[in-house]
Amino acid sequence: MLETFIDRKDAGIKLAAALSDYITKDSIVMALPRGGVVLGYKIAKKFKLPLDVFISRKIRHPFNPEYAIGAITETGHILINEQSISSISISGDYLVKEISEEKKLIADKINIFREGKPLPNLNSKDIILVDDGIATGYSITAAIESLRQLKVANIILAVPVASIDIIESLTKIVDKIFVLLSPPYLSAVGEFYSDFSQVTDDEVIEILSKSKRP
């Protein structure tokens, strides 16, 4: 039976324990909201590091909104699964509309979580990129690609759970990866948590308000 985490705080504490040898004076914790911020806070607090959000949202399948066909980040970087689009004949009009909606939601989240301020200067910084788990991998991959475009020094990816296939794919585009659980197949991240209650915007705001910011 696979180990499970009590909640996101528990997962964050366990991730922090694995990261001790990879923290530098230039490290910044960047967490994907909302769930990733809970874990990111535990890591940032343990090592007295700055914490901020990095917003990456999935581009939804037209017939199954829970399924991603790509992702878009707050830098405007877009990642699309061309195979998925061609296999089900997703129209260009749908993509334009979906991407436009996600851009508006990203702008809203920047206003909520960062008071409308842009990303901090991440040039030459060591980024610890955190989420509460990886299912399809689109959001985290888009985030990694965006961070590379911002000329960060290194990217250390830290997540509690991701499938073996996803890990193999992401290992090629980050400098170091820490995954505590790696099942052969993962259908839902929440299956590995005893408590996977939804994190609210207010909880994220509270965490950021008591965190050291970059």
N, C-alpha and C. Protein backbone atom coordinates (compact mmCIF):
# COMPACT_ATOMS: atom_id res chain seq x y z
N MET A 1 0.85 -1.21 0.00
CA MET A 1 0.00 0.00 0.00
C MET A 1 0.88 1.25 0.00
N LEU A 2 0.56 2.21 -0.85
CA LEU A 2 1.35 3.43 -0.93
C LEU A 2 1.13 4.31 0.29
N GLU A 3 2.19 4.95 0.71
CA GLU A 3 2.09 5.92 1.80
C GLU A 3 1.23 7.08 1.35
N THR A 4 0.47 7.64 2.28
CA THR A 4 -0.30 8.84 1.96
C THR A 4 0.11 9.95 2.92
N PHE A 5 -0.22 11.16 2.55
CA PHE A 5 0.07 12.32 3.38
C PHE A 5 -1.18 12.68 4.18
N ILE A 6 -0.97 13.18 5.38
CA ILE A 6 -2.11 13.59 6.20
C ILE A 6 -2.85 14.74 5.50
N ASP A 7 -2.08 15.74 5.13
CA ASP A 7 -2.62 16.91 4.43
C ASP A 7 -1.47 17.62 3.73
N ARG A 8 -1.74 18.78 3.18
CA ARG A 8 -0.69 19.50 2.45
C ARG A 8 0.43 19.97 3.37
N LYS A 9 0.08 20.33 4.60
CA LYS A 9 1.12 20.75 5.55
C LYS A 9 2.09 19.61 5.82
N ASP A 10 1.55 18.42 6.02
CA ASP A 10 2.38 17.23 6.24
C ASP A 10 3.30 16.98 5.05
N ALA A 11 2.74 17.09 3.85
CA ALA A 11 3.54 16.89 2.64
C ALA A 11 4.64 17.94 2.52
N GLY A 12 4.33 19.18 2.89
CA GLY A 12 5.31 20.25 2.83
C GLY A 12 6.46 20.03 3.79
N ILE A 13 6.15 19.57 4.99
CA ILE A 13 7.19 19.27 5.99
C ILE A 13 8.11 18.16 5.49
N LYS A 14 7.52 17.14 4.90
CA LYS A 14 8.32 16.01 4.39
C LYS A 14 9.18 16.42 3.19
N LEU A 15 8.65 17.28 2.34
CA LEU A 15 9.43 17.78 1.22
C LEU A 15 10.60 18.63 1.71
N ALA A 16 10.33 19.48 2.69
CA ALA A 16 11.39 20.34 3.23
C ALA A 16 12.55 19.52 3.77
N ALA A 17 12.24 18.41 4.41
CA ALA A 17 13.29 17.55 4.96
C ALA A 17 14.19 16.99 3.87
N ALA A 18 13.64 16.81 2.67
CA ALA A 18 14.42 16.24 1.57
C ALA A 18 15.28 17.27 0.85
N LEU A 19 15.02 18.55 1.12
CA LEU A 19 15.67 19.61 0.34
C LEU A 19 16.89 20.23 1.01
N SER A 20 17.21 19.81 2.21
CA SER A 20 18.22 20.49 3.03
C SER A 20 19.54 20.77 2.31
N ASP A 21 20.00 19.83 1.52
CA ASP A 21 21.32 19.96 0.88
C ASP A 21 21.30 20.80 -0.39
N TYR A 22 20.14 21.33 -0.76
CA TYR A 22 20.03 22.01 -2.05
C TYR A 22 19.57 23.47 -1.94
N ILE A 23 19.66 24.01 -0.74
CA ILE A 23 19.27 25.39 -0.51
C ILE A 23 20.49 26.30 -0.63
N THR A 24 20.35 27.40 -1.37
CA THR A 24 21.44 28.37 -1.50
C THR A 24 20.96 29.74 -1.05
N LYS A 25 21.90 30.68 -0.95
CA LYS A 25 21.54 32.05 -0.55
C LYS A 25 20.66 32.73 -1.60
N ASP A 26 20.68 32.19 -2.82
CA ASP A 26 19.88 32.76 -3.90
C ASP A 26 18.58 31.99 -4.15
N SER A 27 18.21 31.11 -3.24
CA SER A 27 17.00 30.30 -3.42
C SER A 27 15.74 31.11 -3.16
N ILE A 28 14.75 30.92 -4.01
CA ILE A 28 13.42 31.49 -3.83
C ILE A 28 12.41 30.37 -4.04
N VAL A 29 11.43 30.29 -3.15
CA VAL A 29 10.36 29.30 -3.31
C VAL A 29 9.24 29.93 -4.13
N MET A 30 8.92 29.30 -5.25
CA MET A 30 7.80 29.72 -6.09
C MET A 30 6.78 28.59 -6.09
N ALA A 31 5.57 28.89 -5.64
CA ALA A 31 4.56 27.85 -5.48
C ALA A 31 3.38 28.09 -6.42
N LEU A 32 2.87 27.00 -6.99
CA LEU A 32 1.67 27.10 -7.82
C LEU A 32 0.45 27.17 -6.91
N PRO A 33 -0.34 28.25 -7.04
CA PRO A 33 -1.55 28.34 -6.22
C PRO A 33 -2.68 27.49 -6.81
N ARG A 34 -3.60 26.99 -5.95
CA ARG A 34 -3.56 27.42 -4.57
C ARG A 34 -2.86 26.40 -3.66
N GLY A 35 -3.05 25.12 -3.95
CA GLY A 35 -2.54 24.08 -3.06
C GLY A 35 -1.05 24.11 -2.83
N GLY A 36 -0.29 24.45 -3.87
CA GLY A 36 1.16 24.44 -3.74
C GLY A 36 1.68 25.44 -2.73
N VAL A 37 0.90 26.49 -2.46
CA VAL A 37 1.35 27.54 -1.54
C VAL A 37 1.45 27.01 -0.11
N VAL A 38 0.56 26.11 0.26
CA VAL A 38 0.61 25.52 1.61
C VAL A 38 1.92 24.78 1.81
N LEU A 39 2.32 23.99 0.82
CA LEU A 39 3.58 23.26 0.90
C LEU A 39 4.77 24.20 0.81
N GLY A 40 4.67 25.17 -0.11
CA GLY A 40 5.76 26.11 -0.29
C GLY A 40 6.07 26.89 0.97
N TYR A 41 5.03 27.21 1.74
CA TYR A 41 5.23 27.94 2.99
C TYR A 41 6.04 27.13 3.98
N LYS A 42 5.76 25.84 4.07
CA LYS A 42 6.51 24.98 5.00
C LYS A 42 7.99 24.94 4.63
N ILE A 43 8.27 24.89 3.33
CA ILE A 43 9.66 24.87 2.86
C ILE A 43 10.32 26.21 3.11
N ALA A 44 9.64 27.29 2.74
CA ALA A 44 10.20 28.63 2.91
C ALA A 44 10.45 28.94 4.39
N LYS A 45 9.54 28.54 5.24
CA LYS A 45 9.68 28.81 6.67
C LYS A 45 10.86 28.05 7.26
N LYS A 46 11.03 26.79 6.88
CA LYS A 46 12.12 25.98 7.42
C LYS A 46 13.48 26.57 7.09
N PHE A 47 13.62 27.08 5.86
CA PHE A 47 14.92 27.57 5.41
C PHE A 47 15.03 29.09 5.38
N LYS A 48 13.98 29.77 5.91
CA LYS A 48 13.96 31.24 5.95
C LYS A 48 14.15 31.84 4.55
N LEU A 49 13.38 31.32 3.61
CA LEU A 49 13.48 31.75 2.22
C LEU A 49 12.28 32.61 1.82
N PRO A 50 12.45 33.45 0.80
CA PRO A 50 11.30 34.18 0.26
C PRO A 50 10.33 33.23 -0.44
N LEU A 51 9.05 33.59 -0.39
CA LEU A 51 8.00 32.79 -1.02
C LEU A 51 7.13 33.69 -1.88
N ASP A 52 6.81 33.21 -3.07
CA ASP A 52 5.85 33.91 -3.92
C ASP A 52 5.09 32.87 -4.74
N VAL A 53 4.04 33.34 -5.39
CA VAL A 53 3.26 32.45 -6.25
C VAL A 53 3.75 32.56 -7.69
N PHE A 54 3.59 31.47 -8.42
CA PHE A 54 3.76 31.51 -9.88
C PHE A 54 2.50 30.89 -10.46
N ILE A 55 1.79 31.69 -11.24
CA ILE A 55 0.46 31.27 -11.69
C ILE A 55 0.53 30.59 -13.04
N SER A 56 0.04 29.37 -13.06
CA SER A 56 -0.03 28.57 -14.28
C SER A 56 -1.37 27.85 -14.28
N ARG A 57 -2.16 28.08 -15.30
CA ARG A 57 -3.51 27.53 -15.34
C ARG A 57 -3.68 26.60 -16.53
N LYS A 58 -4.46 25.56 -16.31
CA LYS A 58 -4.67 24.60 -17.39
C LYS A 58 -5.62 25.17 -18.45
N ILE A 59 -5.40 24.75 -19.68
CA ILE A 59 -6.33 25.01 -20.78
C ILE A 59 -7.23 23.78 -20.87
N ARG A 60 -8.52 23.98 -20.70
CA ARG A 60 -9.45 22.87 -20.49
C ARG A 60 -9.90 22.22 -21.80
N HIS A 61 -10.12 20.93 -21.69
CA HIS A 61 -10.72 20.15 -22.78
C HIS A 61 -12.16 20.65 -22.98
N PRO A 62 -12.61 20.84 -24.22
CA PRO A 62 -13.95 21.39 -24.44
C PRO A 62 -15.09 20.50 -23.95
N PHE A 63 -14.86 19.19 -23.91
CA PHE A 63 -15.93 18.27 -23.51
C PHE A 63 -15.73 17.70 -22.11
N ASN A 64 -14.59 17.97 -21.50
CA ASN A 64 -14.30 17.50 -20.15
C ASN A 64 -13.40 18.53 -19.46
N PRO A 65 -14.00 19.52 -18.81
CA PRO A 65 -13.23 20.62 -18.22
C PRO A 65 -12.19 20.19 -17.18
N GLU A 66 -12.36 18.99 -16.62
CA GLU A 66 -11.38 18.51 -15.64
C GLU A 66 -10.10 18.02 -16.31
N TYR A 67 -10.16 17.80 -17.60
CA TYR A 67 -9.01 17.27 -18.34
C TYR A 67 -8.30 18.41 -19.07
N ALA A 68 -6.99 18.49 -18.93
CA ALA A 68 -6.23 19.57 -19.55
C ALA A 68 -5.72 19.17 -20.93
N ILE A 69 -5.69 20.15 -21.82
CA ILE A 69 -5.07 19.94 -23.13
C ILE A 69 -3.87 20.88 -23.29
N GLY A 70 -3.55 21.58 -22.22
CA GLY A 70 -2.42 22.50 -22.24
C GLY A 70 -2.46 23.39 -21.02
N ALA A 71 -1.64 24.45 -21.03
CA ALA A 71 -1.60 25.38 -19.91
C ALA A 71 -1.09 26.73 -20.38
N ILE A 72 -1.41 27.76 -19.60
CA ILE A 72 -0.92 29.11 -19.86
C ILE A 72 -0.45 29.70 -18.54
N THR A 73 0.65 30.44 -18.58
CA THR A 73 1.22 31.00 -17.35
C THR A 73 1.06 32.51 -17.31
N GLU A 74 1.41 33.08 -16.18
CA GLU A 74 1.27 34.52 -16.01
C GLU A 74 2.25 35.33 -16.85
N THR A 75 3.27 34.69 -17.40
CA THR A 75 4.17 35.40 -18.32
C THR A 75 3.62 35.43 -19.74
N GLY A 76 2.50 34.72 -19.96
CA GLY A 76 1.91 34.63 -21.29
C GLY A 76 2.36 33.42 -22.08
N HIS A 77 3.22 32.60 -21.48
CA HIS A 77 3.69 31.39 -22.16
C HIS A 77 2.55 30.38 -22.27
N ILE A 78 2.40 29.79 -23.45
CA ILE A 78 1.33 28.84 -23.70
C ILE A 78 1.91 27.50 -24.13
N LEU A 79 1.41 26.45 -23.51
CA LEU A 79 1.79 25.08 -23.85
C LEU A 79 0.54 24.34 -24.30
N ILE A 80 0.58 23.76 -25.49
CA ILE A 80 -0.58 23.06 -26.04
C ILE A 80 -0.19 21.64 -26.43
N ASN A 81 -1.06 20.69 -26.12
CA ASN A 81 -0.88 19.31 -26.57
C ASN A 81 -1.47 19.20 -27.98
N GLU A 82 -0.61 19.33 -28.97
CA GLU A 82 -1.08 19.33 -30.36
C GLU A 82 -1.76 18.02 -30.74
N GLN A 83 -1.30 16.93 -30.15
CA GLN A 83 -1.89 15.62 -30.46
C GLN A 83 -3.33 15.55 -29.99
N SER A 84 -3.59 16.06 -28.79
CA SER A 84 -4.96 16.07 -28.27
C SER A 84 -5.87 16.93 -29.13
N ILE A 85 -5.36 18.06 -29.55
CA ILE A 85 -6.16 18.98 -30.36
C ILE A 85 -6.54 18.35 -31.70
N SER A 86 -5.58 17.72 -32.35
CA SER A 86 -5.85 17.14 -33.66
C SER A 86 -6.71 15.88 -33.57
N SER A 87 -6.55 15.12 -32.48
CA SER A 87 -7.28 13.86 -32.37
C SER A 87 -8.77 14.05 -32.15
N ILE A 88 -9.16 15.17 -31.54
CA ILE A 88 -10.59 15.41 -31.31
C ILE A 88 -11.08 16.66 -32.04
N SER A 89 -10.26 17.17 -32.94
CA SER A 89 -10.64 18.30 -33.79
C SER A 89 -11.13 19.50 -32.98
N ILE A 90 -10.31 19.95 -32.03
CA ILE A 90 -10.65 21.15 -31.27
C ILE A 90 -10.47 22.37 -32.17
N SER A 91 -11.47 23.22 -32.21
CA SER A 91 -11.43 24.36 -33.12
C SER A 91 -10.52 25.47 -32.61
N GLY A 92 -10.02 26.22 -33.56
CA GLY A 92 -9.21 27.38 -33.20
C GLY A 92 -10.00 28.40 -32.42
N ASP A 93 -11.28 28.54 -32.75
CA ASP A 93 -12.14 29.49 -32.04
C ASP A 93 -12.25 29.12 -30.57
N TYR A 94 -12.39 27.81 -30.29
CA TYR A 94 -12.48 27.38 -28.90
C TYR A 94 -11.21 27.73 -28.15
N LEU A 95 -10.06 27.45 -28.75
CA LEU A 95 -8.78 27.73 -28.10
C LEU A 95 -8.60 29.21 -27.81
N VAL A 96 -8.95 30.05 -28.78
CA VAL A 96 -8.83 31.50 -28.59
C VAL A 96 -9.68 31.95 -27.42
N LYS A 97 -10.92 31.46 -27.36
CA LYS A 97 -11.83 31.83 -26.28
C LYS A 97 -11.34 31.31 -24.93
N GLU A 98 -10.91 30.06 -24.89
CA GLU A 98 -10.45 29.46 -23.64
C GLU A 98 -9.20 30.16 -23.12
N ILE A 99 -8.26 30.44 -24.01
CA ILE A 99 -7.03 31.12 -23.60
C ILE A 99 -7.34 32.54 -23.11
N SER A 100 -8.26 33.22 -23.78
CA SER A 100 -8.66 34.56 -23.36
C SER A 100 -9.26 34.54 -21.95
N GLU A 101 -10.11 33.54 -21.68
CA GLU A 101 -10.73 33.43 -20.36
C GLU A 101 -9.68 33.16 -19.29
N GLU A 102 -8.73 32.29 -19.60
CA GLU A 102 -7.70 31.96 -18.62
C GLU A 102 -6.78 33.15 -18.36
N LYS A 103 -6.52 33.96 -19.38
CA LYS A 103 -5.71 35.16 -19.19
C LYS A 103 -6.39 36.12 -18.21
N LYS A 104 -7.71 36.25 -18.34
CA LYS A 104 -8.46 37.12 -17.42
C LYS A 104 -8.39 36.58 -16.00
N LEU A 105 -8.51 35.26 -15.85
CA LEU A 105 -8.45 34.65 -14.52
C LEU A 105 -7.06 34.80 -13.92
N ILE A 106 -6.03 34.69 -14.75
CA ILE A 106 -4.66 34.89 -14.27
C ILE A 106 -4.49 36.33 -13.77
N ALA A 107 -5.00 37.28 -14.53
CA ALA A 107 -4.91 38.69 -14.11
C ALA A 107 -5.62 38.91 -12.78
N ASP A 108 -6.77 38.25 -12.61
CA ASP A 108 -7.50 38.34 -11.34
C ASP A 108 -6.66 37.79 -10.19
N LYS A 109 -6.02 36.65 -10.43
CA LYS A 109 -5.22 36.03 -9.37
C LYS A 109 -3.99 36.87 -9.02
N ILE A 110 -3.40 37.52 -10.02
CA ILE A 110 -2.27 38.40 -9.74
C ILE A 110 -2.72 39.56 -8.85
N ASN A 111 -3.91 40.08 -9.11
CA ASN A 111 -4.46 41.15 -8.27
C ASN A 111 -4.72 40.66 -6.85
N ILE A 112 -5.22 39.44 -6.74
CA ILE A 112 -5.57 38.88 -5.43
C ILE A 112 -4.33 38.52 -4.63
N PHE A 113 -3.40 37.81 -5.25
CA PHE A 113 -2.27 37.26 -4.51
C PHE A 113 -1.05 38.17 -4.44
N ARG A 114 -0.94 39.10 -5.42
CA ARG A 114 0.26 39.94 -5.46
C ARG A 114 -0.10 41.41 -5.58
N GLU A 115 -1.35 41.72 -5.31
CA GLU A 115 -1.84 43.10 -5.36
C GLU A 115 -1.53 43.76 -6.70
N GLY A 116 -1.59 42.95 -7.76
CA GLY A 116 -1.36 43.47 -9.10
C GLY A 116 0.09 43.67 -9.48
N LYS A 117 0.99 43.36 -8.57
CA LYS A 117 2.42 43.55 -8.84
C LYS A 117 2.95 42.46 -9.76
N PRO A 118 3.96 42.78 -10.58
CA PRO A 118 4.55 41.76 -11.46
C PRO A 118 5.38 40.77 -10.67
N LEU A 119 5.83 39.74 -11.35
CA LEU A 119 6.75 38.79 -10.73
C LEU A 119 8.01 39.52 -10.25
N PRO A 120 8.59 39.05 -9.15
CA PRO A 120 9.88 39.61 -8.73
C PRO A 120 10.96 39.27 -9.76
N ASN A 121 12.08 39.94 -9.69
CA ASN A 121 13.20 39.64 -10.58
C ASN A 121 13.79 38.28 -10.21
N LEU A 122 13.65 37.32 -11.09
CA LEU A 122 14.12 35.96 -10.82
C LEU A 122 15.41 35.63 -11.57
N ASN A 123 15.96 36.60 -12.26
CA ASN A 123 17.18 36.38 -13.03
C ASN A 123 18.31 35.89 -12.12
N SER A 124 18.92 34.76 -12.51
CA SER A 124 20.06 34.17 -11.79
C SER A 124 19.70 33.62 -10.41
N LYS A 125 18.42 33.46 -10.12
CA LYS A 125 18.00 32.89 -8.84
C LYS A 125 17.83 31.38 -8.95
N ASP A 126 17.99 30.71 -7.81
CA ASP A 126 17.72 29.28 -7.73
C ASP A 126 16.27 29.10 -7.29
N ILE A 127 15.46 28.55 -8.17
CA ILE A 127 14.03 28.45 -7.92
C ILE A 127 13.66 27.07 -7.39
N ILE A 128 12.98 27.06 -6.25
CA ILE A 128 12.38 25.83 -5.75
C ILE A 128 10.90 25.91 -6.13
N LEU A 129 10.52 25.15 -7.13
CA LEU A 129 9.16 25.19 -7.68
C LEU A 129 8.33 24.10 -7.02
N VAL A 130 7.21 24.50 -6.42
CA VAL A 130 6.45 23.60 -5.57
C VAL A 130 4.99 23.51 -6.00
N ASP A 131 4.45 22.30 -5.99
CA ASP A 131 3.02 22.09 -6.14
C ASP A 131 2.62 20.93 -5.24
N ASP A 132 1.31 20.71 -5.09
CA ASP A 132 0.86 19.65 -4.18
C ASP A 132 0.77 18.28 -4.85
N GLY A 133 1.16 18.20 -6.11
CA GLY A 133 1.15 16.95 -6.86
C GLY A 133 0.99 17.25 -8.34
N ILE A 134 1.32 16.27 -9.16
CA ILE A 134 1.25 16.47 -10.60
C ILE A 134 0.42 15.37 -11.24
N ALA A 135 -0.62 15.77 -11.96
CA ALA A 135 -1.47 14.81 -12.67
C ALA A 135 -1.04 14.74 -14.14
N THR A 136 -1.54 15.66 -14.97
CA THR A 136 -1.17 15.63 -16.39
C THR A 136 0.21 16.23 -16.65
N GLY A 137 0.61 17.19 -15.81
CA GLY A 137 1.93 17.80 -15.96
C GLY A 137 1.96 19.06 -16.80
N TYR A 138 0.83 19.47 -17.38
CA TYR A 138 0.84 20.64 -18.26
C TYR A 138 1.15 21.93 -17.49
N SER A 139 0.48 22.13 -16.36
CA SER A 139 0.67 23.38 -15.61
C SER A 139 2.10 23.53 -15.13
N ILE A 140 2.67 22.46 -14.61
CA ILE A 140 4.03 22.55 -14.07
C ILE A 140 5.04 22.66 -15.20
N THR A 141 4.81 21.98 -16.31
CA THR A 141 5.73 22.08 -17.45
C THR A 141 5.73 23.49 -18.02
N ALA A 142 4.55 24.08 -18.16
CA ALA A 142 4.46 25.46 -18.65
C ALA A 142 5.17 26.41 -17.70
N ALA A 143 5.03 26.17 -16.39
CA ALA A 143 5.71 27.01 -15.40
C ALA A 143 7.22 26.90 -15.54
N ILE A 144 7.72 25.68 -15.71
CA ILE A 144 9.16 25.46 -15.86
C ILE A 144 9.68 26.17 -17.11
N GLU A 145 8.97 26.03 -18.21
CA GLU A 145 9.39 26.67 -19.45
C GLU A 145 9.39 28.20 -19.31
N SER A 146 8.40 28.73 -18.60
CA SER A 146 8.35 30.17 -18.36
C SER A 146 9.53 30.64 -17.53
N LEU A 147 9.85 29.88 -16.48
CA LEU A 147 10.97 30.25 -15.61
C LEU A 147 12.29 30.22 -16.37
N ARG A 148 12.44 29.27 -17.27
CA ARG A 148 13.65 29.23 -18.10
C ARG A 148 13.76 30.50 -18.94
N GLN A 149 12.64 30.96 -19.45
CA GLN A 149 12.65 32.19 -20.26
C GLN A 149 13.03 33.41 -19.43
N LEU A 150 12.82 33.32 -18.12
CA LEU A 150 13.17 34.42 -17.21
C LEU A 150 14.62 34.35 -16.75
N LYS A 151 15.37 33.41 -17.31
CA LYS A 151 16.82 33.29 -17.07
C LYS A 151 17.16 32.98 -15.60
N VAL A 152 16.37 32.11 -14.98
CA VAL A 152 16.72 31.67 -13.63
C VAL A 152 17.98 30.82 -13.70
N ALA A 153 18.68 30.69 -12.57
CA ALA A 153 19.92 29.91 -12.56
C ALA A 153 19.63 28.42 -12.57
N ASN A 154 18.81 27.98 -11.63
CA ASN A 154 18.47 26.56 -11.50
C ASN A 154 17.01 26.41 -11.11
N ILE A 155 16.43 25.29 -11.49
CA ILE A 155 15.07 24.96 -11.07
C ILE A 155 15.10 23.62 -10.35
N ILE A 156 14.70 23.66 -9.08
CA ILE A 156 14.53 22.44 -8.30
C ILE A 156 13.03 22.23 -8.14
N LEU A 157 12.52 21.16 -8.70
CA LEU A 157 11.10 20.85 -8.62
C LEU A 157 10.84 19.97 -7.41
N ALA A 158 9.90 20.38 -6.57
CA ALA A 158 9.59 19.63 -5.36
C ALA A 158 8.09 19.40 -5.27
N VAL A 159 7.68 18.14 -5.40
CA VAL A 159 6.27 17.77 -5.30
C VAL A 159 6.14 16.47 -4.51
N PRO A 160 5.05 16.29 -3.80
CA PRO A 160 4.88 15.06 -3.02
C PRO A 160 4.64 13.83 -3.87
N VAL A 161 3.89 14.00 -4.97
CA VAL A 161 3.50 12.82 -5.74
C VAL A 161 3.38 13.16 -7.22
N ALA A 162 3.89 12.26 -8.06
CA ALA A 162 3.76 12.35 -9.51
C ALA A 162 4.02 10.97 -10.08
N SER A 163 3.42 10.67 -11.21
CA SER A 163 3.61 9.35 -11.81
C SER A 163 5.02 9.21 -12.37
N ILE A 164 5.45 7.98 -12.53
CA ILE A 164 6.79 7.70 -13.05
C ILE A 164 6.99 8.33 -14.42
N ASP A 165 6.00 8.23 -15.29
CA ASP A 165 6.12 8.80 -16.64
C ASP A 165 6.32 10.31 -16.59
N ILE A 166 5.56 10.97 -15.73
CA ILE A 166 5.69 12.43 -15.61
C ILE A 166 7.07 12.80 -15.08
N ILE A 167 7.54 12.05 -14.10
CA ILE A 167 8.87 12.32 -13.53
C ILE A 167 9.95 12.20 -14.60
N GLU A 168 9.87 11.15 -15.40
CA GLU A 168 10.86 10.95 -16.46
C GLU A 168 10.86 12.12 -17.44
N SER A 169 9.68 12.63 -17.75
CA SER A 169 9.57 13.75 -18.67
C SER A 169 10.14 15.04 -18.06
N LEU A 170 9.79 15.30 -16.80
CA LEU A 170 10.20 16.55 -16.16
C LEU A 170 11.68 16.57 -15.78
N THR A 171 12.24 15.40 -15.52
CA THR A 171 13.66 15.33 -15.17
C THR A 171 14.54 15.95 -16.25
N LYS A 172 14.06 15.91 -17.48
CA LYS A 172 14.84 16.43 -18.61
C LYS A 172 14.87 17.96 -18.66
N ILE A 173 13.95 18.61 -17.95
CA ILE A 173 13.86 20.07 -18.09
C ILE A 173 14.08 20.83 -16.78
N VAL A 174 14.40 20.11 -15.70
CA VAL A 174 14.76 20.78 -14.44
C VAL A 174 16.16 20.34 -14.04
N ASP A 175 16.72 21.05 -13.07
CA ASP A 175 18.08 20.72 -12.62
C ASP A 175 18.08 19.64 -11.55
N LYS A 176 17.00 19.59 -10.77
CA LYS A 176 16.86 18.56 -9.74
C LYS A 176 15.38 18.38 -9.47
N ILE A 177 14.99 17.15 -9.19
CA ILE A 177 13.58 16.88 -8.91
C ILE A 177 13.46 16.04 -7.64
N PHE A 178 12.54 16.44 -6.77
CA PHE A 178 12.24 15.70 -5.56
C PHE A 178 10.77 15.29 -5.58
N VAL A 179 10.52 14.01 -5.63
CA VAL A 179 9.17 13.47 -5.59
C VAL A 179 9.14 12.38 -4.53
N LEU A 180 8.26 12.49 -3.57
CA LEU A 180 8.24 11.54 -2.46
C LEU A 180 7.54 10.24 -2.82
N LEU A 181 6.52 10.32 -3.66
CA LEU A 181 5.78 9.13 -4.09
C LEU A 181 5.69 9.13 -5.61
N SER A 182 5.99 7.99 -6.22
CA SER A 182 5.96 7.92 -7.69
C SER A 182 5.24 6.65 -8.16
N PRO A 183 3.91 6.66 -8.11
CA PRO A 183 3.15 5.51 -8.58
C PRO A 183 3.28 5.35 -10.09
N PRO A 184 3.08 4.15 -10.61
CA PRO A 184 3.15 3.95 -12.06
C PRO A 184 2.04 4.69 -12.80
N TYR A 185 0.92 4.89 -12.12
CA TYR A 185 -0.20 5.60 -12.74
C TYR A 185 -0.87 6.46 -11.69
N LEU A 186 -1.23 7.67 -12.06
CA LEU A 186 -1.87 8.59 -11.12
C LEU A 186 -3.08 9.21 -11.79
N SER A 187 -4.25 8.95 -11.24
CA SER A 187 -5.47 9.52 -11.82
C SER A 187 -5.90 10.79 -11.11
N ALA A 188 -5.63 10.87 -9.80
CA ALA A 188 -6.01 12.05 -9.03
C ALA A 188 -5.04 12.25 -7.88
N VAL A 189 -4.49 13.44 -7.78
CA VAL A 189 -3.52 13.75 -6.72
C VAL A 189 -4.13 13.54 -5.34
N GLY A 190 -5.41 13.89 -5.20
CA GLY A 190 -6.07 13.81 -3.90
C GLY A 190 -6.12 12.42 -3.30
N GLU A 191 -5.94 11.39 -4.12
CA GLU A 191 -5.97 10.01 -3.62
C GLU A 191 -4.83 9.73 -2.64
N PHE A 192 -3.81 10.56 -2.67
CA PHE A 192 -2.63 10.32 -1.84
C PHE A 192 -2.62 11.17 -0.57
N TYR A 193 -3.72 11.87 -0.32
CA TYR A 193 -3.87 12.68 0.88
C TYR A 193 -5.07 12.20 1.68
N SER A 194 -4.91 12.13 3.00
CA SER A 194 -6.08 11.85 3.85
C SER A 194 -7.03 13.03 3.83
N ASP A 195 -6.47 14.24 3.83
CA ASP A 195 -7.27 15.47 3.76
C ASP A 195 -6.77 16.30 2.58
N PHE A 196 -7.58 16.39 1.54
CA PHE A 196 -7.21 17.18 0.36
C PHE A 196 -8.26 18.27 0.14
N SER A 197 -8.66 18.90 1.25
CA SER A 197 -9.66 19.97 1.17
C SER A 197 -9.16 21.10 0.28
N GLN A 198 -10.09 21.72 -0.42
CA GLN A 198 -9.72 22.81 -1.31
C GLN A 198 -9.13 23.98 -0.53
N VAL A 199 -8.05 24.53 -1.03
CA VAL A 199 -7.44 25.72 -0.44
C VAL A 199 -8.12 26.95 -1.03
N THR A 200 -8.47 27.90 -0.19
CA THR A 200 -9.18 29.10 -0.66
C THR A 200 -8.19 30.23 -0.97
N ASP A 201 -8.69 31.20 -1.73
CA ASP A 201 -7.88 32.40 -1.99
C ASP A 201 -7.48 33.08 -0.69
N ASP A 202 -8.41 33.14 0.25
CA ASP A 202 -8.12 33.80 1.53
C ASP A 202 -6.99 33.10 2.28
N GLU A 203 -6.95 31.78 2.21
CA GLU A 203 -5.87 31.05 2.87
C GLU A 203 -4.53 31.37 2.22
N VAL A 204 -4.52 31.46 0.91
CA VAL A 204 -3.28 31.82 0.20
C VAL A 204 -2.83 33.22 0.59
N ILE A 205 -3.76 34.15 0.63
CA ILE A 205 -3.44 35.53 1.01
C ILE A 205 -2.85 35.57 2.42
N GLU A 206 -3.44 34.81 3.34
CA GLU A 206 -2.95 34.77 4.72
C GLU A 206 -1.53 34.22 4.78
N ILE A 207 -1.28 33.14 4.05
CA ILE A 207 0.06 32.55 4.03
C ILE A 207 1.08 33.54 3.49
N LEU A 208 0.74 34.19 2.38
CA LEU A 208 1.67 35.14 1.77
C LEU A 208 1.92 36.35 2.68
N SER A 209 0.90 36.74 3.44
CA SER A 209 1.03 37.92 4.31
C SER A 209 2.02 37.68 5.45
N LYS A 210 2.21 36.43 5.84
CA LYS A 210 3.14 36.13 6.93
C LYS A 210 4.45 35.55 6.41
N SER A 211 4.66 35.63 5.10
CA SER A 211 5.87 35.09 4.49
C SER A 211 6.84 36.20 4.11
N LYS A 212 8.11 35.84 4.07
CA LYS A 212 9.13 36.72 3.50
C LYS A 212 8.93 36.72 2.00
N ARG A 213 8.84 37.90 1.39
CA ARG A 213 8.60 37.98 -0.05
C ARG A 213 9.89 38.32 -0.78
N PRO A 214 10.01 37.86 -2.03
CA PRO A 214 11.23 38.16 -2.80
C PRO A 214 11.39 39.66 -3.04
